[in-house]
Amino acid sequence: MPVVTIGLSLHRPEMARLLRKYMQKHDALFLEEPPTEAFDAMLSGRMSVGEYVDVVDTEYPRFEAIMCLTLRELKSQGKGIFPVEPYLENLITLHDHFAEGGRPDELDRETLTYLVYLAEKKATGALISYYQTAAAGSFEMIVDAARRFARIDAERFRLRDALRSQALTSLINVQASSFIEAGAMHYRLTNLIRRRATPGTEVETIFLAGDILRSWEEKGHLYGPGDQLTLLYIFHPAIEDKDRETLLAARALIYSKIVFKGELDADRIPYPHLRDELQCIKLTRQLSVDDCRQLFARIRGVDTSDARKIVFEYARD
């Protein structure tokens, strides 16, 4: 029977080696990106890795470059490599439509592209509302706006996972062993794949960061408070637990101000992102809503470096 491994990972350079380790064990690799001419050209060598990274304009260029080289190597070994991400594929179609002067009312309402349009429109509206509130609103107003956005963003994740599981089903059922690359927020994909796979298919989920966390004798998974809130809504879309939701949203405001963005150098310190995110998660886990209210007033107008100093000193007192 088919064997399927779903690898939940972070798009960080330090995770590329772990991704390669698991990809190496499977015949077919299903990537979390849409099929494009640029990807095919990069994989075949007709486009350089540097050119491809510029084309995709990724937030994590070092990770993307390392993975491109890894995928070329795996392809030369005979691995099947398949980009499968219907949501992003339809999002590209949507962007092309608007870039060519198209209007929303010209979209066919019976297509997946229209479903993606509705999800993006709703999420974008909630995000803009959050940013507007964050600029001048009170702490309570910002927490409520964060909760609203997380709930709507969860709807988008549910749609994205549903579309991807549908697209993957027929593909994994004809492979002896498949590795499905997925971001850490796509935990629900496991349940959907299990439901759709051929009976008897062995489906396993691997948290790639888990290997490192266990080596540090840490328990649990690497989800910050904002991700925890979104996952709560993904798995329980009808939940009404205001105290829990408010606490996670309040902690998320602090976490987002202190966690490092961009790509950190792993040459001096192994797994710098995992270390930083784990430290920030542990710190915010100690905070009450009132702690977050006090801290947010002090850090909302400062940069990450200064915010970290303030929050870390507060936690030590």
C-alpha atoms as a PDB file:
ATOM      1  CA  MET A   1       0.000   0.000   0.000  1.00  0.00           C
ATOM      2  CA  PRO A   2       1.112   3.599  -0.557  1.00  0.00           C
ATOM      3  CA  VAL A   3       3.164   5.367   2.091  1.00  0.00           C
ATOM      4  CA  VAL A   4       2.648   9.119   2.550  1.00  0.00           C
ATOM      5  CA  THR A   5       4.711  11.439   4.743  1.00  0.00           C
ATOM      6  CA  ILE A   6       3.491  14.987   5.310  1.00  0.00           C
ATOM      7  CA  GLY A   7       6.430  17.144   6.355  1.00  0.00           C
ATOM      8  CA  LEU A   8       5.371  20.253   8.276  1.00  0.00           C
ATOM      9  CA  SER A   9       8.193  22.744   8.192  1.00  0.00           C
ATOM     10  CA  LEU A  10       9.283  26.361   8.399  1.00  0.00           C
ATOM     11  CA  HIS A  11      10.739  28.152   5.401  1.00  0.00           C
ATOM     12  CA  ARG A  12      14.086  28.779   7.039  1.00  0.00           C
ATOM     13  CA  PRO A  13      17.575  27.897   5.699  1.00  0.00           C
ATOM     14  CA  GLU A  14      18.288  25.731   8.742  1.00  0.00           C
ATOM     15  CA  MET A  15      15.359  23.457   7.849  1.00  0.00           C
ATOM     16  CA  ALA A  16      16.560  22.656   4.322  1.00  0.00           C
ATOM     17  CA  ARG A  17      18.858  19.839   5.454  1.00  0.00           C
ATOM     18  CA  LEU A  18      16.040  18.174   7.389  1.00  0.00           C
ATOM     19  CA  LEU A  19      13.705  18.498   4.411  1.00  0.00           C
ATOM     20  CA  ARG A  20      16.293  16.825   2.191  1.00  0.00           C
ATOM     21  CA  LYS A  21      16.672  13.984   4.720  1.00  0.00           C
ATOM     22  CA  TYR A  22      12.982  13.095   4.502  1.00  0.00           C
ATOM     23  CA  MET A  23      12.604  13.793   0.792  1.00  0.00           C
ATOM     24  CA  GLN A  24      15.471  11.405   0.118  1.00  0.00           C
ATOM     25  CA  LYS A  25      13.399   8.524   1.511  1.00  0.00           C
ATOM     26  CA  HIS A  26      10.500   8.885  -0.940  1.00  0.00           C
ATOM     27  CA  ASP A  27       9.875   8.305  -4.638  1.00  0.00           C
ATOM     28  CA  ALA A  28       7.623  11.277  -5.296  1.00  0.00           C
ATOM     29  CA  LEU A  29       7.921  14.785  -3.835  1.00  0.00           C
ATOM     30  CA  PHE A  30       4.895  17.085  -3.810  1.00  0.00           C
ATOM     31  CA  LEU A  31       5.912  20.678  -3.247  1.00  0.00           C
ATOM     32  CA  GLU A  32       3.972  23.502  -1.650  1.00  0.00           C
ATOM     33  CA  GLU A  33       4.076  25.756  -4.673  1.00  0.00           C
ATOM     34  CA  PRO A  34       2.155  26.117  -7.921  1.00  0.00           C
ATOM     35  CA  PRO A  35       3.447  24.721 -11.218  1.00  0.00           C
ATOM     36  CA  THR A  36       5.012  27.503 -13.274  1.00  0.00           C
ATOM     37  CA  GLU A  37       7.213  27.793 -16.335  1.00  0.00           C
ATOM     38  CA  ALA A  38       9.890  29.428 -14.195  1.00  0.00           C
ATOM     39  CA  PHE A  39       9.971  26.474 -11.785  1.00  0.00           C
ATOM     40  CA  ASP A  40      10.294  23.987 -14.645  1.00  0.00           C
ATOM     41  CA  ALA A  41      13.084  26.077 -16.161  1.00  0.00           C
ATOM     42  CA  MET A  42      14.941  26.246 -12.851  1.00  0.00           C
ATOM     43  CA  LEU A  43      14.591  22.528 -12.186  1.00  0.00           C
ATOM     44  CA  SER A  44      15.852  21.617 -15.655  1.00  0.00           C
ATOM     45  CA  GLY A  45      18.757  24.061 -15.467  1.00  0.00           C
ATOM     46  CA  ARG A  46      17.436  26.375 -18.182  1.00  0.00           C
ATOM     47  CA  MET A  47      17.154  29.121 -15.559  1.00  0.00           C
ATOM     48  CA  SER A  48      19.749  29.770 -12.879  1.00  0.00           C
ATOM     49  CA  VAL A  49      18.782  29.433  -9.229  1.00  0.00           C
ATOM     50  CA  GLY A  50      19.568  33.115  -8.690  1.00  0.00           C
ATOM     51  CA  GLU A  51      17.270  34.170 -11.526  1.00  0.00           C
ATOM     52  CA  TYR A  52      14.505  31.942 -10.200  1.00  0.00           C
ATOM     53  CA  VAL A  53      14.773  33.348  -6.674  1.00  0.00           C
ATOM     54  CA  ASP A  54      14.474  36.852  -8.123  1.00  0.00           C
ATOM     55  CA  VAL A  55      11.409  35.828 -10.150  1.00  0.00           C
ATOM     56  CA  VAL A  56       9.498  34.352  -7.208  1.00  0.00           C
ATOM     57  CA  ASP A  57      10.420  37.336  -4.996  1.00  0.00           C
ATOM     58  CA  THR A  58      10.361  35.172  -1.878  1.00  0.00           C
ATOM     59  CA  GLU A  59      10.520  36.384   1.705  1.00  0.00           C
ATOM     60  CA  TYR A  60      13.206  33.762   2.388  1.00  0.00           C
ATOM     61  CA  PRO A  61      15.664  33.850  -0.545  1.00  0.00           C
ATOM     62  CA  ARG A  62      18.427  31.789   1.112  1.00  0.00           C
ATOM     63  CA  PHE A  63      16.012  28.996   1.947  1.00  0.00           C
ATOM     64  CA  GLU A  64      14.588  29.089  -1.580  1.00  0.00           C
ATOM     65  CA  ALA A  65      18.058  28.924  -3.154  1.00  0.00           C
ATOM     66  CA  ILE A  66      19.144  25.969  -0.995  1.00  0.00           C
ATOM     67  CA  MET A  67      15.935  24.088  -1.763  1.00  0.00           C
ATOM     68  CA  CYS A  68      16.299  24.713  -5.499  1.00  0.00           C
ATOM     69  CA  LEU A  69      19.734  23.098  -5.464  1.00  0.00           C
ATOM     70  CA  THR A  70      18.404  20.247  -3.337  1.00  0.00           C
ATOM     71  CA  LEU A  71      15.525  19.607  -5.728  1.00  0.00           C
ATOM     72  CA  ARG A  72      17.868  19.546  -8.713  1.00  0.00           C
ATOM     73  CA  GLU A  73      19.984  16.958  -6.932  1.00  0.00           C
ATOM     74  CA  LEU A  74      16.952  14.820  -6.067  1.00  0.00           C
ATOM     75  CA  LYS A  75      15.653  15.069  -9.625  1.00  0.00           C
ATOM     76  CA  SER A  76      18.993  13.765 -10.925  1.00  0.00           C
ATOM     77  CA  GLN A  77      18.489  10.762  -8.632  1.00  0.00           C
ATOM     78  CA  GLY A  78      15.211   9.930 -10.338  1.00  0.00           C
ATOM     79  CA  LYS A  79      12.799  11.414  -7.814  1.00  0.00           C
ATOM     80  CA  GLY A  80       9.467  12.606  -9.164  1.00  0.00           C
ATOM     81  CA  ILE A  81       9.019  16.287  -8.323  1.00  0.00           C
ATOM     82  CA  PHE A  82       5.554  17.781  -8.564  1.00  0.00           C
ATOM     83  CA  PRO A  83       4.525  21.328  -7.556  1.00  0.00           C
ATOM     84  CA  VAL A  84       0.923  21.015  -6.329  1.00  0.00           C
ATOM     85  CA  GLU A  85      -0.751  24.046  -4.746  1.00  0.00           C
ATOM     86  CA  PRO A  86      -4.139  24.812  -6.364  1.00  0.00           C
ATOM     87  CA  TYR A  87      -4.899  27.796  -4.134  1.00  0.00           C
ATOM     88  CA  LEU A  88      -1.698  29.599  -5.124  1.00  0.00           C
ATOM     89  CA  GLU A  89      -2.132  28.513  -8.741  1.00  0.00           C
ATOM     90  CA  ASN A  90      -5.551  30.173  -8.830  1.00  0.00           C
ATOM     91  CA  LEU A  91      -4.172  33.180  -6.970  1.00  0.00           C
ATOM     92  CA  ILE A  92      -1.649  33.658  -9.782  1.00  0.00           C
ATOM     93  CA  THR A  93      -4.508  33.428 -12.295  1.00  0.00           C
ATOM     94  CA  LEU A  94      -6.335  36.064 -10.283  1.00  0.00           C
ATOM     95  CA  HIS A  95      -3.320  38.392 -10.216  1.00  0.00           C
ATOM     96  CA  ASP A  96      -2.879  37.986 -13.982  1.00  0.00           C
ATOM     97  CA  HIS A  97      -6.556  38.788 -14.511  1.00  0.00           C
ATOM     98  CA  PHE A  98      -6.307  42.059 -12.602  1.00  0.00           C
ATOM     99  CA  ALA A  99      -2.888  42.926 -14.089  1.00  0.00           C
ATOM    100  CA  GLU A 100      -4.485  42.746 -17.535  1.00  0.00           C
ATOM    101  CA  GLY A 101      -7.211  45.175 -16.495  1.00  0.00           C
ATOM    102  CA  GLY A 102      -9.836  42.604 -15.572  1.00  0.00           C
ATOM    103  CA  ARG A 103     -12.604  43.326 -13.090  1.00  0.00           C
ATOM    104  CA  PRO A 104     -14.020  41.198 -10.263  1.00  0.00           C
ATOM    105  CA  ASP A 105     -17.453  40.992 -11.930  1.00  0.00           C
ATOM    106  CA  GLU A 106     -15.821  39.328 -14.950  1.00  0.00           C
ATOM    107  CA  LEU A 107     -14.740  36.312 -12.910  1.00  0.00           C
ATOM    108  CA  ASP A 108     -16.678  33.097 -13.492  1.00  0.00           C
ATOM    109  CA  ARG A 109     -18.463  32.353 -10.222  1.00  0.00           C
ATOM    110  CA  GLU A 110     -18.345  28.600 -10.898  1.00  0.00           C
ATOM    111  CA  THR A 111     -14.541  28.456 -10.845  1.00  0.00           C
ATOM    112  CA  LEU A 112     -11.981  27.853  -8.112  1.00  0.00           C
ATOM    113  CA  THR A 113     -10.447  31.193  -9.028  1.00  0.00           C
ATOM    114  CA  TYR A 114     -13.620  32.925  -7.854  1.00  0.00           C
ATOM    115  CA  LEU A 115     -13.550  31.031  -4.546  1.00  0.00           C
ATOM    116  CA  VAL A 116      -9.948  32.136  -4.059  1.00  0.00           C
ATOM    117  CA  TYR A 117     -10.927  35.706  -4.937  1.00  0.00           C
ATOM    118  CA  LEU A 118     -13.612  35.728  -2.246  1.00  0.00           C
ATOM    119  CA  ALA A 119     -11.240  34.272   0.350  1.00  0.00           C
ATOM    120  CA  GLU A 120      -8.500  36.775  -0.479  1.00  0.00           C
ATOM    121  CA  LYS A 121     -10.908  39.712  -0.544  1.00  0.00           C
ATOM    122  CA  LYS A 122     -12.262  38.824   2.885  1.00  0.00           C
ATOM    123  CA  ALA A 123      -8.831  38.191   4.399  1.00  0.00           C
ATOM    124  CA  THR A 124      -7.333  41.335   2.881  1.00  0.00           C
ATOM    125  CA  GLY A 125     -10.199  43.426   4.235  1.00  0.00           C
ATOM    126  CA  ALA A 126      -9.703  41.968   7.719  1.00  0.00           C
ATOM    127  CA  LEU A 127      -5.954  42.577   7.529  1.00  0.00           C
ATOM    128  CA  ILE A 128      -6.390  46.194   6.445  1.00  0.00           C
ATOM    129  CA  SER A 129      -8.860  46.676   9.279  1.00  0.00           C
ATOM    130  CA  TYR A 130      -6.322  45.222  11.693  1.00  0.00           C
ATOM    131  CA  TYR A 131      -3.553  47.538  10.479  1.00  0.00           C
ATOM    132  CA  GLN A 132      -5.835  50.569  10.714  1.00  0.00           C
ATOM    133  CA  THR A 133      -6.819  49.617  14.245  1.00  0.00           C
ATOM    134  CA  ALA A 134      -3.216  48.884  15.200  1.00  0.00           C
ATOM    135  CA  ALA A 135      -2.186  52.377  14.103  1.00  0.00           C
ATOM    136  CA  ALA A 136      -4.396  54.268  16.505  1.00  0.00           C
ATOM    137  CA  GLY A 137      -6.712  51.927  18.384  1.00  0.00           C
ATOM    138  CA  SER A 138      -6.677  50.917  22.019  1.00  0.00           C
ATOM    139  CA  PHE A 139      -5.126  47.651  23.172  1.00  0.00           C
ATOM    140  CA  GLU A 140      -8.574  46.047  23.471  1.00  0.00           C
ATOM    141  CA  MET A 141      -9.577  47.184  19.984  1.00  0.00           C
ATOM    142  CA  ILE A 142      -6.344  45.816  18.497  1.00  0.00           C
ATOM    143  CA  VAL A 143      -6.785  42.464  20.258  1.00  0.00           C
ATOM    144  CA  ASP A 144     -10.333  42.195  18.883  1.00  0.00           C
ATOM    145  CA  ALA A 145      -9.109  43.072  15.384  1.00  0.00           C
ATOM    146  CA  ALA A 146      -6.393  40.414  15.674  1.00  0.00           C
ATOM    147  CA  ARG A 147      -8.995  37.842  16.679  1.00  0.00           C
ATOM    148  CA  ARG A 148     -11.213  38.755  13.728  1.00  0.00           C
ATOM    149  CA  PHE A 149      -8.341  38.504  11.268  1.00  0.00           C
ATOM    150  CA  ALA A 150      -7.163  35.161  12.680  1.00  0.00           C
ATOM    151  CA  ARG A 151     -10.658  33.696  12.338  1.00  0.00           C
ATOM    152  CA  ILE A 152     -10.945  34.836   8.722  1.00  0.00           C
ATOM    153  CA  ASP A 153      -7.391  33.743   7.938  1.00  0.00           C
ATOM    154  CA  ALA A 154      -8.314  30.303   9.295  1.00  0.00           C
ATOM    155  CA  GLU A 155     -11.112  30.122   6.709  1.00  0.00           C
ATOM    156  CA  ARG A 156      -8.532  30.780   4.013  1.00  0.00           C
ATOM    157  CA  PHE A 157      -6.292  28.000   5.367  1.00  0.00           C
ATOM    158  CA  ARG A 158      -9.244  25.586   5.424  1.00  0.00           C
ATOM    159  CA  LEU A 159     -10.011  26.317   1.781  1.00  0.00           C
ATOM    160  CA  ARG A 160      -6.358  26.046   0.783  1.00  0.00           C
ATOM    161  CA  ASP A 161      -5.945  22.692   2.544  1.00  0.00           C
ATOM    162  CA  ALA A 162      -9.199  21.360   1.083  1.00  0.00           C
ATOM    163  CA  LEU A 163      -8.172  22.259  -2.468  1.00  0.00           C
ATOM    164  CA  ARG A 164      -4.701  20.819  -2.034  1.00  0.00           C
ATOM    165  CA  SER A 165      -5.907  17.541  -0.529  1.00  0.00           C
ATOM    166  CA  GLN A 166      -8.296  17.098  -3.464  1.00  0.00           C
ATOM    167  CA  ALA A 167      -5.513  17.694  -5.976  1.00  0.00           C
ATOM    168  CA  LEU A 168      -3.083  15.383  -4.179  1.00  0.00           C
ATOM    169  CA  THR A 169      -5.387  12.399  -3.734  1.00  0.00           C
ATOM    170  CA  SER A 170      -5.179  10.885  -7.206  1.00  0.00           C
ATOM    171  CA  LEU A 171      -1.443  11.607  -7.376  1.00  0.00           C
ATOM    172  CA  ILE A 172      -0.374   9.955  -4.133  1.00  0.00           C
ATOM    173  CA  ASN A 173      -2.585   6.926  -4.729  1.00  0.00           C
ATOM    174  CA  VAL A 174      -0.426   5.849  -7.693  1.00  0.00           C
ATOM    175  CA  GLN A 175       2.920   6.328  -5.926  1.00  0.00           C
ATOM    176  CA  ALA A 176       4.659   3.775  -3.718  1.00  0.00           C
ATOM    177  CA  SER A 177       5.900   6.518  -1.392  1.00  0.00           C
ATOM    178  CA  SER A 178       5.161  10.230  -1.362  1.00  0.00           C
ATOM    179  CA  PHE A 179       6.514  13.184   0.574  1.00  0.00           C
ATOM    180  CA  ILE A 180       4.180  16.174   0.842  1.00  0.00           C
ATOM    181  CA  GLU A 181       5.874  19.433   1.724  1.00  0.00           C
ATOM    182  CA  ALA A 182       3.669  21.720   3.797  1.00  0.00           C
ATOM    183  CA  GLY A 183       4.051  24.747   5.999  1.00  0.00           C
ATOM    184  CA  ALA A 184       3.573  24.199   9.706  1.00  0.00           C
ATOM    185  CA  MET A 185       0.139  25.847   9.604  1.00  0.00           C
ATOM    186  CA  HIS A 186      -1.232  23.108   7.332  1.00  0.00           C
ATOM    187  CA  TYR A 187      -1.644  20.564  10.138  1.00  0.00           C
ATOM    188  CA  ARG A 188      -5.259  19.887   9.050  1.00  0.00           C
ATOM    189  CA  LEU A 189      -3.967  18.582   5.736  1.00  0.00           C
ATOM    190  CA  THR A 190      -3.151  15.310   7.506  1.00  0.00           C
ATOM    191  CA  ASN A 191      -6.793  14.625   8.344  1.00  0.00           C
ATOM    192  CA  LEU A 192      -7.930  15.495   4.833  1.00  0.00           C
ATOM    193  CA  ILE A 193      -5.321  13.265   3.172  1.00  0.00           C
ATOM    194  CA  ARG A 194      -6.225  10.359   5.456  1.00  0.00           C
ATOM    195  CA  ARG A 195      -9.876  10.658   4.480  1.00  0.00           C
ATOM    196  CA  ARG A 196      -9.148  10.743   0.762  1.00  0.00           C
ATOM    197  CA  ALA A 197      -6.264   8.299   0.428  1.00  0.00           C
ATOM    198  CA  THR A 198      -6.710   4.698  -0.704  1.00  0.00           C
ATOM    199  CA  PRO A 199      -7.807   2.536   2.263  1.00  0.00           C
ATOM    200  CA  GLY A 200      -4.761   1.088   3.965  1.00  0.00           C
ATOM    201  CA  THR A 201      -2.478   3.964   2.951  1.00  0.00           C
ATOM    202  CA  GLU A 202       0.038   4.718   5.676  1.00  0.00           C
ATOM    203  CA  VAL A 203      -0.097   8.463   6.367  1.00  0.00           C
ATOM    204  CA  GLU A 204       2.419   9.974   8.768  1.00  0.00           C
ATOM    205  CA  THR A 205       2.940  13.592   9.764  1.00  0.00           C
ATOM    206  CA  ILE A 206       6.426  14.783  10.635  1.00  0.00           C
ATOM    207  CA  PHE A 207       7.122  18.079  12.383  1.00  0.00           C
ATOM    208  CA  LEU A 208      10.606  18.720  11.028  1.00  0.00           C
ATOM    209  CA  ALA A 209      11.431  21.119  13.833  1.00  0.00           C
ATOM    210  CA  GLY A 210      10.523  18.306  16.232  1.00  0.00           C
ATOM    211  CA  ASP A 211      13.808  16.512  15.576  1.00  0.00           C
ATOM    212  CA  ILE A 212      15.733  19.511  16.848  1.00  0.00           C
ATOM    213  CA  LEU A 213      13.374  20.304  19.721  1.00  0.00           C
ATOM    214  CA  ARG A 214      13.654  16.755  21.008  1.00  0.00           C
ATOM    215  CA  SER A 215      17.433  16.962  20.865  1.00  0.00           C
ATOM    216  CA  TRP A 216      17.091  20.012  23.138  1.00  0.00           C
ATOM    217  CA  GLU A 217      14.764  18.015  25.406  1.00  0.00           C
ATOM    218  CA  GLU A 218      11.879  20.327  24.546  1.00  0.00           C
ATOM    219  CA  LYS A 219       8.306  19.095  24.296  1.00  0.00           C
ATOM    220  CA  GLY A 220       5.487  20.216  22.023  1.00  0.00           C
ATOM    221  CA  HIS A 221       5.545  22.006  18.690  1.00  0.00           C
ATOM    222  CA  LEU A 222       6.892  25.366  17.599  1.00  0.00           C
ATOM    223  CA  TYR A 223       3.728  27.449  17.304  1.00  0.00           C
ATOM    224  CA  GLY A 224       3.670  31.041  18.450  1.00  0.00           C
ATOM    225  CA  PRO A 225       0.507  32.452  20.071  1.00  0.00           C
ATOM    226  CA  GLY A 226      -0.821  33.895  16.807  1.00  0.00           C
ATOM    227  CA  ASP A 227      -0.400  30.555  15.050  1.00  0.00           C
ATOM    228  CA  GLN A 228      -2.038  28.809  17.993  1.00  0.00           C
ATOM    229  CA  LEU A 229      -5.034  31.120  17.670  1.00  0.00           C
ATOM    230  CA  THR A 230      -5.327  30.541  13.931  1.00  0.00           C
ATOM    231  CA  LEU A 231      -5.026  26.769  14.378  1.00  0.00           C
ATOM    232  CA  LEU A 232      -7.744  26.921  17.037  1.00  0.00           C
ATOM    233  CA  TYR A 233     -10.054  28.491  14.452  1.00  0.00           C
ATOM    234  CA  ILE A 234      -8.935  26.084  11.703  1.00  0.00           C
ATOM    235  CA  PHE A 235      -9.890  23.016  13.722  1.00  0.00           C
ATOM    236  CA  HIS A 236     -12.799  24.604  15.606  1.00  0.00           C
ATOM    237  CA  PRO A 237     -14.296  27.261  13.301  1.00  0.00           C
ATOM    238  CA  ALA A 238     -17.400  27.706  15.461  1.00  0.00           C
ATOM    239  CA  ILE A 239     -15.548  28.021  18.772  1.00  0.00           C
ATOM    240  CA  GLU A 240     -16.568  30.766  21.179  1.00  0.00           C
ATOM    241  CA  ASP A 241     -14.033  30.912  24.000  1.00  0.00           C
ATOM    242  CA  LYS A 242     -13.389  34.618  24.399  1.00  0.00           C
ATOM    243  CA  ASP A 243     -10.992  34.338  27.326  1.00  0.00           C
ATOM    244  CA  ARG A 244      -8.728  31.873  25.515  1.00  0.00           C
ATOM    245  CA  GLU A 245      -8.959  33.731  22.214  1.00  0.00           C
ATOM    246  CA  THR A 246      -8.204  37.068  23.882  1.00  0.00           C
ATOM    247  CA  LEU A 247      -5.209  35.687  25.747  1.00  0.00           C
ATOM    248  CA  LEU A 248      -3.674  34.199  22.581  1.00  0.00           C
ATOM    249  CA  ALA A 249      -4.345  37.367  20.579  1.00  0.00           C
ATOM    250  CA  ALA A 250      -2.830  39.551  23.309  1.00  0.00           C
ATOM    251  CA  ARG A 251       0.269  37.366  23.486  1.00  0.00           C
ATOM    252  CA  ALA A 252       0.487  37.425  19.687  1.00  0.00           C
ATOM    253  CA  LEU A 253       0.784  41.227  19.733  1.00  0.00           C
ATOM    254  CA  ILE A 254       3.860  40.939  21.943  1.00  0.00           C
ATOM    255  CA  TYR A 255       5.327  37.949  20.112  1.00  0.00           C
ATOM    256  CA  SER A 256       5.118  39.642  16.725  1.00  0.00           C
ATOM    257  CA  LYS A 257       7.058  42.618  18.068  1.00  0.00           C
ATOM    258  CA  ILE A 258       9.945  40.609  19.550  1.00  0.00           C
ATOM    259  CA  VAL A 259      10.524  37.664  17.210  1.00  0.00           C
ATOM    260  CA  PHE A 260      13.232  38.246  14.587  1.00  0.00           C
ATOM    261  CA  LYS A 261      12.051  38.625  11.016  1.00  0.00           C
ATOM    262  CA  GLY A 262      13.954  37.743   7.877  1.00  0.00           C
ATOM    263  CA  GLU A 263      16.738  35.162   7.695  1.00  0.00           C
ATOM    264  CA  LEU A 264      19.291  34.754  10.460  1.00  0.00           C
ATOM    265  CA  ASP A 265      22.860  33.528   9.918  1.00  0.00           C
ATOM    266  CA  ALA A 266      23.218  29.870  10.927  1.00  0.00           C
ATOM    267  CA  ASP A 267      27.021  29.809  10.521  1.00  0.00           C
ATOM    268  CA  ARG A 268      27.775  30.883  14.103  1.00  0.00           C
ATOM    269  CA  ILE A 269      24.785  29.458  15.972  1.00  0.00           C
ATOM    270  CA  PRO A 270      23.009  26.293  14.779  1.00  0.00           C
ATOM    271  CA  TYR A 271      19.268  26.685  14.191  1.00  0.00           C
ATOM    272  CA  PRO A 272      19.067  30.376  15.097  1.00  0.00           C
ATOM    273  CA  HIS A 273      15.415  30.718  14.035  1.00  0.00           C
ATOM    274  CA  LEU A 274      14.264  27.761  16.081  1.00  0.00           C
ATOM    275  CA  ARG A 275      16.164  29.040  19.110  1.00  0.00           C
ATOM    276  CA  ASP A 276      14.730  32.528  18.748  1.00  0.00           C
ATOM    277  CA  GLU A 277      11.146  31.397  18.164  1.00  0.00           C
ATOM    278  CA  LEU A 278      11.311  28.919  21.039  1.00  0.00           C
ATOM    279  CA  GLN A 279      12.649  31.624  23.363  1.00  0.00           C
ATOM    280  CA  CYS A 280       9.922  34.067  22.330  1.00  0.00           C
ATOM    281  CA  ILE A 281       7.204  31.411  22.667  1.00  0.00           C
ATOM    282  CA  LYS A 282       8.363  30.496  26.163  1.00  0.00           C
ATOM    283  CA  LEU A 283       8.484  34.138  27.176  1.00  0.00           C
ATOM    284  CA  THR A 284       5.025  35.095  25.883  1.00  0.00           C
ATOM    285  CA  ARG A 285       3.547  31.930  27.398  1.00  0.00           C
ATOM    286  CA  GLN A 286       4.212  33.507  30.816  1.00  0.00           C
ATOM    287  CA  LEU A 287       2.224  36.659  30.076  1.00  0.00           C
ATOM    288  CA  SER A 288      -1.310  37.412  31.205  1.00  0.00           C
ATOM    289  CA  VAL A 289      -3.614  39.712  29.265  1.00  0.00           C
ATOM    290  CA  ASP A 290      -2.789  42.493  31.724  1.00  0.00           C
ATOM    291  CA  ASP A 291       0.954  41.883  31.250  1.00  0.00           C
ATOM    292  CA  CYS A 292       0.448  42.181  27.491  1.00  0.00           C
ATOM    293  CA  ARG A 293      -1.564  45.379  27.915  1.00  0.00           C
ATOM    294  CA  GLN A 294       1.218  47.005  29.938  1.00  0.00           C
ATOM    295  CA  LEU A 295       3.962  45.816  27.605  1.00  0.00           C
ATOM    296  CA  PHE A 296       2.168  46.756  24.408  1.00  0.00           C
ATOM    297  CA  ALA A 297       1.879  50.357  25.555  1.00  0.00           C
ATOM    298  CA  ARG A 298       5.665  50.433  25.917  1.00  0.00           C
ATOM    299  CA  ILE A 299       6.696  48.621  22.735  1.00  0.00           C
ATOM    300  CA  ARG A 300       4.113  49.491  20.064  1.00  0.00           C
ATOM    301  CA  GLY A 301       6.216  52.345  18.724  1.00  0.00           C
ATOM    302  CA  VAL A 302       9.710  50.810  18.906  1.00  0.00           C
ATOM    303  CA  ASP A 303      11.679  48.450  16.685  1.00  0.00           C
ATOM    304  CA  THR A 304      12.270  44.734  17.289  1.00  0.00           C
ATOM    305  CA  SER A 305      15.589  45.208  19.083  1.00  0.00           C
ATOM    306  CA  ASP A 306      14.229  47.693  21.602  1.00  0.00           C
ATOM    307  CA  ALA A 307      11.003  45.729  22.049  1.00  0.00           C
ATOM    308  CA  ARG A 308      13.000  42.608  22.908  1.00  0.00           C
ATOM    309  CA  LYS A 309      14.973  44.455  25.571  1.00  0.00           C
ATOM    310  CA  ILE A 310      11.820  45.824  27.174  1.00  0.00           C
ATOM    311  CA  VAL A 311       9.945  42.495  27.150  1.00  0.00           C
ATOM    312  CA  PHE A 312      12.899  40.402  28.294  1.00  0.00           C
ATOM    313  CA  GLU A 313      13.603  42.803  31.163  1.00  0.00           C
ATOM    314  CA  TYR A 314       9.927  42.748  32.146  1.00  0.00           C
ATOM    315  CA  ALA A 315       9.983  38.944  32.236  1.00  0.00           C
ATOM    316  CA  ARG A 316      13.069  38.924  34.479  1.00  0.00           C
ATOM    317  CA  ASP A 317      11.538  41.283  37.057  1.00  0.00           C
END
